[in-house]
Amino acid sequence: VMVHVASGEAKLGHTAELNAHCAAANIRRQMLGLKLLTYPHGATGIDRSPRIFCVSLGKHDAVLAFNQLVLAGPLAAITKWMLEWTKVKACDAQPVGLLFWRVADYMSVLLTRTLLPLESRAAAAATA
């Protein structure tokens, strides 16, 4: 796994998208003469972005990770399909995709702040 040194985060599709949102916001802010946002706080409102990934292991099998929670099997595969389907819909500016991802992005940060926090940086470093 590749890790971004400054933030200590794994380089994942989710964190790449958060970086893109922060960069786009900073372009607008710079044009308006506003203070630039820092990553990841500028993208999520918290000091570390949620660790989220889902990997297909075949048509009916996958692994889904959200912070310290890991699910494997058919439920993860169905979730992977739903994530892909709604992301394509969002990229096509279809309401179902836009709404799904607005809610999902908000909920991922809320869950990271409350029920499913990230492990501490010290604990993560000890297991790496």
Foldseek 3Di string as FASTA:
>chain_A
DDADVVLRHDDDPVVVVLVVVLVVVQVVCVVVVHDGDDPPCSSQVDSHAWDWDKADPDQQWIWTDTAPDIDITRVSNVVVVVLVVLCVCVVVVHPSSVVVVVVVSNVSSVCCVPVRPHDDPVVVVVVD
